[in-house]
N, C-alpha and C. Protein backbone atom coordinates (compact mmCIF):
# COMPACT_ATOMS: atom_id res chain seq x y z
N MET A 1 9.58 43.17 -123.80
CA MET A 1 8.22 42.72 -123.58
C MET A 1 7.28 43.50 -124.50
N SER A 2 6.43 42.79 -125.18
CA SER A 2 5.47 43.37 -126.10
C SER A 2 4.30 43.99 -125.33
N LEU A 3 4.03 45.26 -125.62
CA LEU A 3 2.90 45.93 -124.99
C LEU A 3 1.59 45.24 -125.38
N ALA A 4 1.50 44.77 -126.62
CA ALA A 4 0.30 44.07 -127.08
C ALA A 4 0.05 42.81 -126.26
N ARG A 5 1.10 42.06 -126.01
CA ARG A 5 0.94 40.84 -125.20
C ARG A 5 0.56 41.19 -123.75
N MET A 6 1.16 42.26 -123.22
CA MET A 6 0.80 42.68 -121.86
C MET A 6 -0.67 43.05 -121.77
N ILE A 7 -1.16 43.78 -122.76
CA ILE A 7 -2.56 44.20 -122.75
C ILE A 7 -3.48 42.99 -122.89
N ALA A 8 -3.18 42.10 -123.83
CA ALA A 8 -4.01 40.90 -124.00
C ALA A 8 -3.99 40.04 -122.73
N TYR A 9 -2.82 39.90 -122.12
CA TYR A 9 -2.72 39.12 -120.88
C TYR A 9 -3.52 39.80 -119.76
N THR A 10 -3.45 41.12 -119.69
CA THR A 10 -4.21 41.87 -118.68
C THR A 10 -5.70 41.64 -118.86
N ILE A 11 -6.18 41.71 -120.09
CA ILE A 11 -7.61 41.47 -120.36
C ILE A 11 -7.98 40.06 -119.94
N HIS A 12 -7.15 39.10 -120.31
CA HIS A 12 -7.39 37.70 -119.95
C HIS A 12 -7.45 37.52 -118.43
N GLN A 13 -6.48 38.07 -117.73
CA GLN A 13 -6.41 37.89 -116.27
C GLN A 13 -7.55 38.63 -115.54
N LEU A 14 -7.91 39.81 -116.02
CA LEU A 14 -9.04 40.51 -115.39
C LEU A 14 -10.30 39.68 -115.53
N SER A 15 -10.54 39.13 -116.72
CA SER A 15 -11.72 38.28 -116.93
C SER A 15 -11.67 37.05 -116.04
N GLU A 16 -10.50 36.42 -115.95
CA GLU A 16 -10.34 35.24 -115.09
C GLU A 16 -10.62 35.55 -113.62
N ASN A 17 -10.41 36.79 -113.22
CA ASN A 17 -10.62 37.21 -111.83
C ASN A 17 -11.96 37.93 -111.63
N GLN A 18 -12.88 37.75 -112.59
CA GLN A 18 -14.22 38.34 -112.52
C GLN A 18 -14.20 39.86 -112.36
N ILE A 19 -13.26 40.51 -113.02
CA ILE A 19 -13.19 41.97 -113.07
C ILE A 19 -13.38 42.36 -114.53
N ALA A 20 -14.37 43.19 -114.79
CA ALA A 20 -14.64 43.59 -116.17
C ALA A 20 -13.47 44.39 -116.74
N PRO A 21 -12.87 43.91 -117.84
CA PRO A 21 -11.70 44.60 -118.41
C PRO A 21 -12.08 45.79 -119.30
N TYR A 22 -12.53 46.84 -118.66
CA TYR A 22 -12.84 48.07 -119.39
C TYR A 22 -11.54 48.78 -119.77
N LYS A 23 -11.64 49.64 -120.78
CA LYS A 23 -10.48 50.38 -121.28
C LYS A 23 -9.76 51.11 -120.15
N THR A 24 -10.50 51.84 -119.33
CA THR A 24 -9.88 52.61 -118.24
C THR A 24 -9.15 51.69 -117.27
N PHE A 25 -9.77 50.55 -116.93
CA PHE A 25 -9.15 49.61 -116.00
C PHE A 25 -7.85 49.07 -116.59
N ILE A 26 -7.86 48.77 -117.89
CA ILE A 26 -6.66 48.25 -118.56
C ILE A 26 -5.54 49.28 -118.51
N HIS A 27 -5.86 50.53 -118.84
CA HIS A 27 -4.86 51.60 -118.80
C HIS A 27 -4.23 51.70 -117.41
N LYS A 28 -5.05 51.69 -116.38
CA LYS A 28 -4.53 51.89 -115.02
C LYS A 28 -3.74 50.68 -114.54
N LEU A 29 -4.20 49.49 -114.88
CA LEU A 29 -3.48 48.29 -114.45
C LEU A 29 -2.11 48.22 -115.11
N ILE A 30 -2.03 48.54 -116.39
CA ILE A 30 -0.73 48.58 -117.07
C ILE A 30 0.14 49.66 -116.42
N TYR A 31 -0.45 50.82 -116.16
CA TYR A 31 0.30 51.91 -115.50
C TYR A 31 0.92 51.44 -114.18
N LEU A 32 0.13 50.76 -113.36
CA LEU A 32 0.62 50.31 -112.06
C LEU A 32 1.65 49.19 -112.17
N SER A 33 1.67 48.50 -113.31
CA SER A 33 2.52 47.31 -113.47
C SER A 33 3.85 47.56 -114.18
N ILE A 34 4.06 48.76 -114.74
CA ILE A 34 5.30 48.99 -115.50
C ILE A 34 6.01 50.27 -115.04
N PRO A 35 6.61 50.26 -113.87
CA PRO A 35 7.21 51.48 -113.33
C PRO A 35 8.33 52.06 -114.19
N GLU A 36 9.07 51.20 -114.87
CA GLU A 36 10.20 51.71 -115.65
C GLU A 36 9.73 52.54 -116.85
N GLN A 37 8.51 52.35 -117.29
CA GLN A 37 8.01 53.02 -118.49
C GLN A 37 6.92 54.05 -118.20
N ARG A 38 6.59 54.26 -116.94
CA ARG A 38 5.50 55.21 -116.61
C ARG A 38 5.75 56.60 -117.17
N GLU A 39 6.92 57.13 -116.89
CA GLU A 39 7.24 58.51 -117.32
C GLU A 39 7.14 58.64 -118.84
N GLU A 40 7.62 57.62 -119.52
CA GLU A 40 7.66 57.63 -120.98
C GLU A 40 6.27 57.46 -121.60
N LEU A 41 5.45 56.61 -121.02
CA LEU A 41 4.17 56.26 -121.63
C LEU A 41 2.97 57.07 -121.16
N TYR A 42 2.98 57.52 -119.92
CA TYR A 42 1.76 58.08 -119.32
C TYR A 42 1.82 59.58 -119.07
N ARG A 43 0.65 60.19 -119.20
CA ARG A 43 0.45 61.61 -118.90
C ARG A 43 -0.87 61.74 -118.14
N PRO A 44 -1.07 62.86 -117.42
CA PRO A 44 -2.33 63.03 -116.72
C PRO A 44 -3.48 63.24 -117.72
N TYR A 45 -4.61 62.66 -117.39
CA TYR A 45 -5.81 62.77 -118.22
C TYR A 45 -7.00 62.75 -117.29
N PHE A 46 -8.20 62.94 -117.80
CA PHE A 46 -9.37 63.08 -116.94
C PHE A 46 -9.54 61.91 -115.97
N TYR A 47 -9.40 60.69 -116.44
CA TYR A 47 -9.57 59.53 -115.56
C TYR A 47 -8.26 59.05 -114.96
N GLY A 48 -7.26 59.91 -114.94
CA GLY A 48 -5.97 59.56 -114.36
C GLY A 48 -4.92 59.34 -115.42
N PRO A 49 -3.83 58.65 -115.07
CA PRO A 49 -2.75 58.43 -116.03
C PRO A 49 -3.28 57.77 -117.30
N TYR A 50 -2.87 58.29 -118.44
CA TYR A 50 -3.35 57.82 -119.74
C TYR A 50 -2.17 57.69 -120.69
N SER A 51 -2.21 56.68 -121.54
CA SER A 51 -1.15 56.45 -122.50
C SER A 51 -1.71 56.33 -123.91
N ASP A 52 -1.21 57.17 -124.80
CA ASP A 52 -1.59 57.06 -126.21
C ASP A 52 -1.11 55.73 -126.79
N GLN A 53 0.07 55.28 -126.38
CA GLN A 53 0.60 54.01 -126.89
C GLN A 53 -0.25 52.82 -126.44
N VAL A 54 -0.68 52.83 -125.18
CA VAL A 54 -1.55 51.75 -124.70
C VAL A 54 -2.86 51.79 -125.48
N GLN A 55 -3.42 52.98 -125.66
CA GLN A 55 -4.68 53.10 -126.40
C GLN A 55 -4.53 52.65 -127.84
N ASN A 56 -3.47 53.07 -128.52
CA ASN A 56 -3.25 52.67 -129.92
C ASN A 56 -3.04 51.17 -130.04
N THR A 57 -2.34 50.58 -129.08
CA THR A 57 -2.12 49.14 -129.09
C THR A 57 -3.43 48.40 -128.84
N LEU A 58 -4.25 48.90 -127.94
CA LEU A 58 -5.56 48.33 -127.67
C LEU A 58 -6.42 48.35 -128.95
N LEU A 59 -6.41 49.47 -129.65
CA LEU A 59 -7.18 49.61 -130.89
C LEU A 59 -6.63 48.68 -131.98
N SER A 60 -5.31 48.52 -132.03
CA SER A 60 -4.71 47.61 -133.01
C SER A 60 -5.10 46.16 -132.72
N LEU A 61 -5.09 45.77 -131.46
CA LEU A 61 -5.53 44.42 -131.07
C LEU A 61 -6.98 44.20 -131.47
N LEU A 62 -7.80 45.21 -131.29
CA LEU A 62 -9.22 45.13 -131.65
C LEU A 62 -9.37 45.01 -133.17
N LYS A 63 -8.67 45.86 -133.90
CA LYS A 63 -8.74 45.87 -135.37
C LYS A 63 -8.29 44.53 -135.96
N ASN A 64 -7.28 43.92 -135.37
CA ASN A 64 -6.74 42.66 -135.87
C ASN A 64 -7.38 41.43 -135.23
N SER A 65 -8.48 41.64 -134.53
CA SER A 65 -9.31 40.57 -133.96
C SER A 65 -8.64 39.74 -132.87
N TYR A 66 -7.58 40.27 -132.23
CA TYR A 66 -7.01 39.58 -131.09
C TYR A 66 -7.91 39.74 -129.87
N ILE A 67 -8.59 40.86 -129.81
CA ILE A 67 -9.56 41.10 -128.75
C ILE A 67 -10.84 41.60 -129.39
N SER A 68 -11.92 41.57 -128.62
CA SER A 68 -13.20 42.10 -129.10
C SER A 68 -13.91 42.76 -127.93
N VAL A 69 -14.93 43.54 -128.27
CA VAL A 69 -15.75 44.15 -127.23
C VAL A 69 -16.68 43.04 -126.75
N ALA A 70 -16.66 42.79 -125.46
CA ALA A 70 -17.47 41.72 -124.88
C ALA A 70 -18.95 42.08 -124.93
N ASP A 71 -19.78 41.05 -124.88
CA ASP A 71 -21.23 41.27 -124.85
C ASP A 71 -21.62 42.04 -123.61
N GLY A 72 -22.64 42.87 -123.76
CA GLY A 72 -23.14 43.64 -122.63
C GLY A 72 -22.12 44.65 -122.18
N LYS A 73 -22.09 44.89 -120.89
CA LYS A 73 -21.16 45.89 -120.33
C LYS A 73 -20.03 45.18 -119.59
N LYS A 74 -19.28 44.37 -120.33
CA LYS A 74 -18.22 43.59 -119.71
C LYS A 74 -16.83 43.95 -120.20
N GLY A 75 -16.69 45.06 -120.92
CA GLY A 75 -15.37 45.46 -121.40
C GLY A 75 -14.93 44.67 -122.60
N TYR A 76 -13.65 44.30 -122.62
CA TYR A 76 -13.07 43.57 -123.73
C TYR A 76 -12.91 42.10 -123.38
N SER A 77 -12.75 41.28 -124.43
CA SER A 77 -12.42 39.87 -124.21
C SER A 77 -11.35 39.46 -125.20
N VAL A 78 -10.58 38.45 -124.83
CA VAL A 78 -9.53 37.92 -125.68
C VAL A 78 -10.16 36.91 -126.63
N ASN A 79 -9.83 37.02 -127.91
CA ASN A 79 -10.30 36.05 -128.90
C ASN A 79 -9.31 34.89 -128.95
N ARG A 80 -9.61 33.86 -128.20
CA ARG A 80 -8.69 32.72 -128.12
C ARG A 80 -8.42 32.10 -129.49
N GLN A 81 -9.43 32.06 -130.34
CA GLN A 81 -9.28 31.45 -131.66
C GLN A 81 -8.22 32.19 -132.49
N THR A 82 -8.23 33.51 -132.45
CA THR A 82 -7.24 34.28 -133.20
C THR A 82 -5.83 33.99 -132.71
N PHE A 83 -5.65 33.92 -131.39
CA PHE A 83 -4.33 33.61 -130.84
C PHE A 83 -3.92 32.18 -131.21
N GLU A 84 -4.87 31.25 -131.10
CA GLU A 84 -4.54 29.86 -131.39
C GLU A 84 -4.18 29.65 -132.85
N GLN A 85 -4.82 30.41 -133.76
CA GLN A 85 -4.46 30.33 -135.18
C GLN A 85 -3.02 30.77 -135.39
N ARG A 86 -2.54 31.60 -134.52
CA ARG A 86 -1.15 32.07 -134.61
C ARG A 86 -0.25 31.30 -133.64
N HIS A 87 -0.77 30.17 -133.16
CA HIS A 87 -0.04 29.25 -132.28
C HIS A 87 0.39 29.91 -130.97
N ILE A 88 -0.51 30.75 -130.43
CA ILE A 88 -0.27 31.37 -129.13
C ILE A 88 -1.47 31.03 -128.25
N VAL A 89 -1.23 30.49 -127.08
CA VAL A 89 -2.30 30.19 -126.13
C VAL A 89 -2.44 31.39 -125.21
N ALA A 90 -3.69 31.86 -125.04
CA ALA A 90 -3.92 33.09 -124.24
C ALA A 90 -3.30 33.00 -122.85
N ASP A 91 -3.36 31.82 -122.24
CA ASP A 91 -2.80 31.66 -120.90
C ASP A 91 -1.29 31.84 -120.88
N THR A 92 -0.65 31.67 -122.02
CA THR A 92 0.82 31.74 -122.07
C THR A 92 1.31 32.96 -122.85
N LEU A 93 0.49 34.01 -122.89
CA LEU A 93 0.90 35.23 -123.58
C LEU A 93 2.21 35.77 -123.01
N LEU A 94 2.37 35.62 -121.72
CA LEU A 94 3.60 36.06 -121.06
C LEU A 94 4.23 34.84 -120.40
N ASP A 95 5.51 34.68 -120.57
CA ASP A 95 6.25 33.59 -119.97
C ASP A 95 6.12 33.64 -118.45
N LYS A 96 6.08 32.49 -117.80
CA LYS A 96 5.92 32.43 -116.35
C LYS A 96 6.99 33.21 -115.60
N SER A 97 8.17 33.30 -116.17
CA SER A 97 9.26 34.02 -115.49
C SER A 97 9.26 35.52 -115.81
N CYS A 98 8.36 35.95 -116.66
CA CYS A 98 8.30 37.36 -117.08
C CYS A 98 7.88 38.25 -115.90
N ILE A 99 8.68 39.26 -115.61
CA ILE A 99 8.42 40.14 -114.47
C ILE A 99 7.10 40.90 -114.64
N GLU A 100 6.75 41.28 -115.86
CA GLU A 100 5.49 41.99 -116.10
C GLU A 100 4.30 41.11 -115.76
N LYS A 101 4.38 39.81 -116.08
CA LYS A 101 3.31 38.87 -115.74
C LYS A 101 3.12 38.82 -114.22
N LYS A 102 4.23 38.71 -113.52
CA LYS A 102 4.16 38.65 -112.06
C LYS A 102 3.61 39.95 -111.49
N ARG A 103 3.99 41.07 -112.07
CA ARG A 103 3.49 42.36 -111.60
C ARG A 103 2.00 42.50 -111.85
N ILE A 104 1.55 42.12 -113.04
CA ILE A 104 0.12 42.21 -113.37
C ILE A 104 -0.67 41.32 -112.42
N ASP A 105 -0.23 40.08 -112.23
CA ASP A 105 -0.94 39.16 -111.33
C ASP A 105 -0.96 39.68 -109.90
N ALA A 106 0.18 40.17 -109.42
CA ALA A 106 0.25 40.68 -108.05
C ALA A 106 -0.62 41.93 -107.88
N THR A 107 -0.64 42.80 -108.89
CA THR A 107 -1.46 44.01 -108.81
C THR A 107 -2.94 43.66 -108.80
N ILE A 108 -3.35 42.71 -109.64
CA ILE A 108 -4.76 42.27 -109.64
C ILE A 108 -5.12 41.69 -108.28
N ASN A 109 -4.25 40.86 -107.72
CA ASN A 109 -4.52 40.28 -106.39
C ASN A 109 -4.63 41.37 -105.34
N PHE A 110 -3.74 42.37 -105.40
CA PHE A 110 -3.79 43.47 -104.44
C PHE A 110 -5.10 44.24 -104.58
N LEU A 111 -5.49 44.56 -105.81
CA LEU A 111 -6.72 45.32 -106.03
C LEU A 111 -7.95 44.54 -105.55
N LYS A 112 -7.98 43.24 -105.85
CA LYS A 112 -9.11 42.42 -105.38
C LYS A 112 -9.16 42.37 -103.86
N SER A 113 -8.02 42.18 -103.22
CA SER A 113 -8.00 42.07 -101.75
C SER A 113 -8.40 43.38 -101.09
N GLY A 114 -8.14 44.51 -101.75
CA GLY A 114 -8.52 45.81 -101.20
C GLY A 114 -9.90 46.28 -101.64
N GLY A 115 -10.58 45.49 -102.47
CA GLY A 115 -11.91 45.87 -102.94
C GLY A 115 -11.88 46.97 -104.00
N PHE A 116 -10.74 47.15 -104.67
CA PHE A 116 -10.62 48.19 -105.70
C PHE A 116 -10.87 47.58 -107.08
N THR A 117 -12.10 47.15 -107.33
CA THR A 117 -12.39 46.46 -108.58
C THR A 117 -13.33 47.25 -109.50
N SER A 118 -13.69 48.44 -109.11
CA SER A 118 -14.50 49.28 -110.00
C SER A 118 -13.58 50.21 -110.78
N VAL A 119 -14.08 50.70 -111.91
CA VAL A 119 -13.31 51.64 -112.72
C VAL A 119 -12.99 52.89 -111.91
N GLU A 120 -13.97 53.38 -111.15
CA GLU A 120 -13.74 54.59 -110.36
C GLU A 120 -12.65 54.39 -109.32
N SER A 121 -12.68 53.25 -108.63
CA SER A 121 -11.69 53.04 -107.57
C SER A 121 -10.28 52.89 -108.13
N ILE A 122 -10.11 52.15 -109.23
CA ILE A 122 -8.74 52.03 -109.77
C ILE A 122 -8.29 53.34 -110.39
N SER A 123 -9.22 54.11 -110.97
CA SER A 123 -8.85 55.42 -111.51
C SER A 123 -8.34 56.33 -110.41
N ASN A 124 -9.05 56.35 -109.30
CA ASN A 124 -8.63 57.19 -108.18
C ASN A 124 -7.31 56.73 -107.59
N LEU A 125 -7.11 55.42 -107.47
CA LEU A 125 -5.84 54.91 -106.96
C LEU A 125 -4.69 55.29 -107.89
N ALA A 126 -4.91 55.15 -109.18
CA ALA A 126 -3.86 55.51 -110.14
C ALA A 126 -3.57 57.02 -110.12
N LYS A 127 -4.62 57.82 -109.94
CA LYS A 127 -4.41 59.27 -109.85
C LYS A 127 -3.55 59.62 -108.64
N ILE A 128 -3.89 59.05 -107.50
CA ILE A 128 -3.13 59.32 -106.29
C ILE A 128 -1.70 58.81 -106.43
N HIS A 129 -1.54 57.64 -107.01
CA HIS A 129 -0.20 57.10 -107.22
C HIS A 129 0.59 58.02 -108.15
N PHE A 130 -0.03 58.48 -109.22
CA PHE A 130 0.61 59.38 -110.19
C PHE A 130 1.13 60.64 -109.50
N ILE A 131 0.32 61.19 -108.61
CA ILE A 131 0.72 62.40 -107.88
C ILE A 131 1.80 62.06 -106.83
N ALA A 132 1.59 61.01 -106.08
CA ALA A 132 2.45 60.68 -104.94
C ALA A 132 3.87 60.33 -105.36
N ILE A 133 4.05 59.65 -106.48
CA ILE A 133 5.42 59.26 -106.86
C ILE A 133 6.23 60.44 -107.36
N ARG A 134 5.56 61.53 -107.67
CA ARG A 134 6.27 62.72 -108.14
C ARG A 134 6.71 63.63 -107.00
N ASN A 135 6.05 63.56 -105.86
CA ASN A 135 6.40 64.41 -104.73
C ASN A 135 5.91 63.76 -103.44
N PRO A 136 6.57 62.70 -102.99
CA PRO A 136 6.12 62.02 -101.78
C PRO A 136 6.23 62.91 -100.55
N ILE A 137 5.17 62.93 -99.77
CA ILE A 137 5.12 63.68 -98.52
C ILE A 137 4.78 62.67 -97.42
N ASP A 138 5.49 62.73 -96.31
CA ASP A 138 5.36 61.69 -95.31
C ASP A 138 4.12 61.76 -94.43
N THR A 139 3.74 62.91 -93.94
CA THR A 139 2.61 62.96 -93.01
C THR A 139 1.30 62.93 -93.77
N SER A 140 0.31 62.20 -93.25
CA SER A 140 -0.94 62.00 -93.97
C SER A 140 -1.71 63.30 -94.16
N ASN A 141 -1.65 64.24 -93.20
CA ASN A 141 -2.37 65.50 -93.38
C ASN A 141 -1.76 66.32 -94.52
N GLU A 142 -0.43 66.42 -94.53
CA GLU A 142 0.22 67.14 -95.62
C GLU A 142 -0.03 66.44 -96.95
N PHE A 143 0.03 65.13 -96.93
CA PHE A 143 -0.17 64.35 -98.14
C PHE A 143 -1.58 64.56 -98.69
N SER A 144 -2.59 64.46 -97.83
CA SER A 144 -3.97 64.60 -98.31
C SER A 144 -4.22 66.00 -98.84
N GLU A 145 -3.67 67.02 -98.19
CA GLU A 145 -3.82 68.39 -98.69
C GLU A 145 -3.11 68.56 -100.03
N TYR A 146 -1.92 67.99 -100.14
CA TYR A 146 -1.18 68.05 -101.40
C TYR A 146 -1.97 67.35 -102.51
N ILE A 147 -2.50 66.17 -102.22
CA ILE A 147 -3.28 65.42 -103.21
C ILE A 147 -4.49 66.23 -103.64
N ARG A 148 -5.20 66.81 -102.68
CA ARG A 148 -6.37 67.62 -103.02
C ARG A 148 -5.99 68.80 -103.91
N HIS A 149 -4.91 69.46 -103.56
CA HIS A 149 -4.45 70.63 -104.32
C HIS A 149 -4.08 70.23 -105.76
N ILE A 150 -3.28 69.20 -105.92
CA ILE A 150 -2.86 68.76 -107.25
C ILE A 150 -4.05 68.19 -108.02
N GLY A 151 -4.93 67.47 -107.32
CA GLY A 151 -6.15 66.95 -107.97
C GLY A 151 -6.98 68.07 -108.56
N LYS A 152 -7.10 69.16 -107.82
CA LYS A 152 -7.85 70.32 -108.32
C LYS A 152 -7.13 70.93 -109.52
N TYR A 153 -5.81 71.07 -109.42
CA TYR A 153 -5.01 71.64 -110.50
C TYR A 153 -5.14 70.81 -111.78
N LEU A 154 -5.12 69.47 -111.66
CA LEU A 154 -5.19 68.59 -112.82
C LEU A 154 -6.63 68.39 -113.32
N GLY A 155 -7.59 68.96 -112.61
CA GLY A 155 -8.99 68.81 -113.03
C GLY A 155 -9.56 67.45 -112.69
N TRP A 156 -9.12 66.88 -111.57
CA TRP A 156 -9.60 65.58 -111.12
C TRP A 156 -10.51 65.79 -109.92
N PRO A 157 -11.80 66.11 -110.14
CA PRO A 157 -12.69 66.45 -109.03
C PRO A 157 -12.89 65.31 -108.03
N THR A 158 -12.82 64.05 -108.49
CA THR A 158 -13.00 62.95 -107.54
C THR A 158 -11.86 62.88 -106.54
N ILE A 159 -10.67 63.31 -106.94
CA ILE A 159 -9.53 63.33 -106.03
C ILE A 159 -9.63 64.52 -105.09
N GLU A 160 -10.05 65.63 -105.63
CA GLU A 160 -10.21 66.84 -104.83
C GLU A 160 -11.17 66.61 -103.66
N LYS A 161 -12.16 65.73 -103.85
CA LYS A 161 -13.20 65.50 -102.84
C LYS A 161 -13.11 64.14 -102.16
N TRP A 162 -12.12 63.34 -102.48
CA TRP A 162 -12.06 61.98 -101.97
C TRP A 162 -11.89 61.96 -100.46
N LYS A 163 -12.47 60.97 -99.81
CA LYS A 163 -12.46 60.90 -98.34
C LYS A 163 -11.09 60.48 -97.82
N MET A 164 -10.78 60.94 -96.62
CA MET A 164 -9.48 60.69 -95.99
C MET A 164 -9.16 59.20 -95.90
N THR A 165 -10.13 58.36 -95.57
CA THR A 165 -9.83 56.93 -95.45
C THR A 165 -9.33 56.38 -96.77
N LYS A 166 -9.87 56.87 -97.87
CA LYS A 166 -9.40 56.42 -99.18
C LYS A 166 -7.98 56.90 -99.43
N TYR A 167 -7.63 58.10 -98.95
CA TYR A 167 -6.26 58.58 -99.08
C TYR A 167 -5.31 57.65 -98.34
N ASN A 168 -5.68 57.27 -97.14
CA ASN A 168 -4.82 56.39 -96.37
C ASN A 168 -4.62 55.06 -97.07
N GLU A 169 -5.72 54.50 -97.63
CA GLU A 169 -5.60 53.24 -98.37
C GLU A 169 -4.71 53.42 -99.58
N SER A 170 -4.86 54.53 -100.26
CA SER A 170 -4.08 54.78 -101.47
C SER A 170 -2.62 55.04 -101.16
N THR A 171 -2.36 55.70 -100.04
CA THR A 171 -0.97 55.92 -99.62
C THR A 171 -0.31 54.58 -99.36
N ALA A 172 -1.03 53.69 -98.70
CA ALA A 172 -0.49 52.36 -98.43
C ALA A 172 -0.23 51.63 -99.75
N MET A 173 -1.17 51.73 -100.69
CA MET A 173 -1.00 51.09 -101.98
C MET A 173 0.22 51.66 -102.70
N GLN A 174 0.34 52.97 -102.68
CA GLN A 174 1.46 53.62 -103.35
C GLN A 174 2.79 53.13 -102.78
N ARG A 175 2.87 53.01 -101.46
CA ARG A 175 4.11 52.54 -100.83
C ARG A 175 4.39 51.08 -101.17
N ILE A 176 3.32 50.26 -101.14
CA ILE A 176 3.49 48.84 -101.47
C ILE A 176 3.98 48.68 -102.90
N LEU A 177 3.31 49.36 -103.84
CA LEU A 177 3.70 49.22 -105.23
C LEU A 177 5.09 49.79 -105.49
N ASN A 178 5.40 50.92 -104.87
CA ASN A 178 6.74 51.48 -105.07
C ASN A 178 7.81 50.56 -104.51
N ASP A 179 7.55 49.98 -103.32
CA ASP A 179 8.51 49.04 -102.75
C ASP A 179 8.65 47.82 -103.65
N CYS A 180 7.52 47.36 -104.17
CA CYS A 180 7.53 46.14 -104.97
C CYS A 180 8.08 46.37 -106.37
N TRP A 181 7.64 47.45 -107.02
CA TRP A 181 8.00 47.65 -108.42
C TRP A 181 9.12 48.65 -108.62
N GLY A 182 9.43 49.40 -107.58
CA GLY A 182 10.39 50.49 -107.73
C GLY A 182 11.80 50.02 -107.96
N LYS A 183 12.71 50.87 -107.69
CA LYS A 183 14.11 50.59 -107.97
C LYS A 183 14.61 49.37 -107.19
N LYS A 184 13.91 49.01 -106.08
CA LYS A 184 14.29 47.86 -105.28
C LYS A 184 13.84 46.54 -105.92
N CYS A 185 13.10 46.61 -106.96
CA CYS A 185 12.43 45.48 -107.58
C CYS A 185 13.31 44.23 -107.57
N SER A 186 12.92 43.14 -107.07
CA SER A 186 11.57 42.84 -106.68
C SER A 186 11.55 41.49 -106.02
N SER A 187 12.13 41.38 -104.89
CA SER A 187 12.08 40.11 -104.18
C SER A 187 10.65 39.77 -103.79
N MET A 188 9.80 40.79 -103.56
CA MET A 188 8.41 40.51 -103.23
C MET A 188 7.74 39.78 -104.38
N VAL A 189 8.01 40.18 -105.61
CA VAL A 189 7.40 39.53 -106.77
C VAL A 189 7.89 38.10 -106.88
N ARG A 190 9.19 37.91 -106.74
CA ARG A 190 9.74 36.57 -106.85
C ARG A 190 9.19 35.65 -105.76
N ASP A 191 9.00 36.19 -104.57
CA ASP A 191 8.49 35.38 -103.46
C ASP A 191 7.02 35.03 -103.65
N HIS A 192 6.24 35.91 -104.32
CA HIS A 192 4.82 35.67 -104.48
C HIS A 192 4.46 35.13 -105.86
N GLY A 193 5.41 35.02 -106.76
CA GLY A 193 5.13 34.59 -108.13
C GLY A 193 5.09 33.13 -108.21
């Protein structure tokens, strides 16, 4: 699967779902959608998991006019004309049977249903997920203390101070995504795709 196509599809789908496709949102959505490549691509950064490869691919898409910076404060947009000149339709960037397409769509639906459509909320969810998959702790009190401690260590002040209800929501998200995308992958995706 081409990372460039995944990024362009992500931008397209975020726009279709009335979510501004900002750079940070794109990074986090790709992070949440590709569990097999997380360790290889992502490292901790100020706004959570960050990938140099995702960033370089985003810049390459921009340089080659596949995407552009949208008017106003709306993030990026897909240049349909550039894709069509190369005989690619933006809606079909990823084959319908492609697991990454199903994961991106399912993750967007999950984020929308949970009200996690701001850059800050997806950044915080990705940060908690990044921490939780490395050292899962079962009880919510231990988990929230662990998250606060690691958040402080990584220099993530929003995680260090995040409210308990958000931890509970994020823990649920982490479990759902791990069940869906993890090593058990992925009857949930097939059933909802």
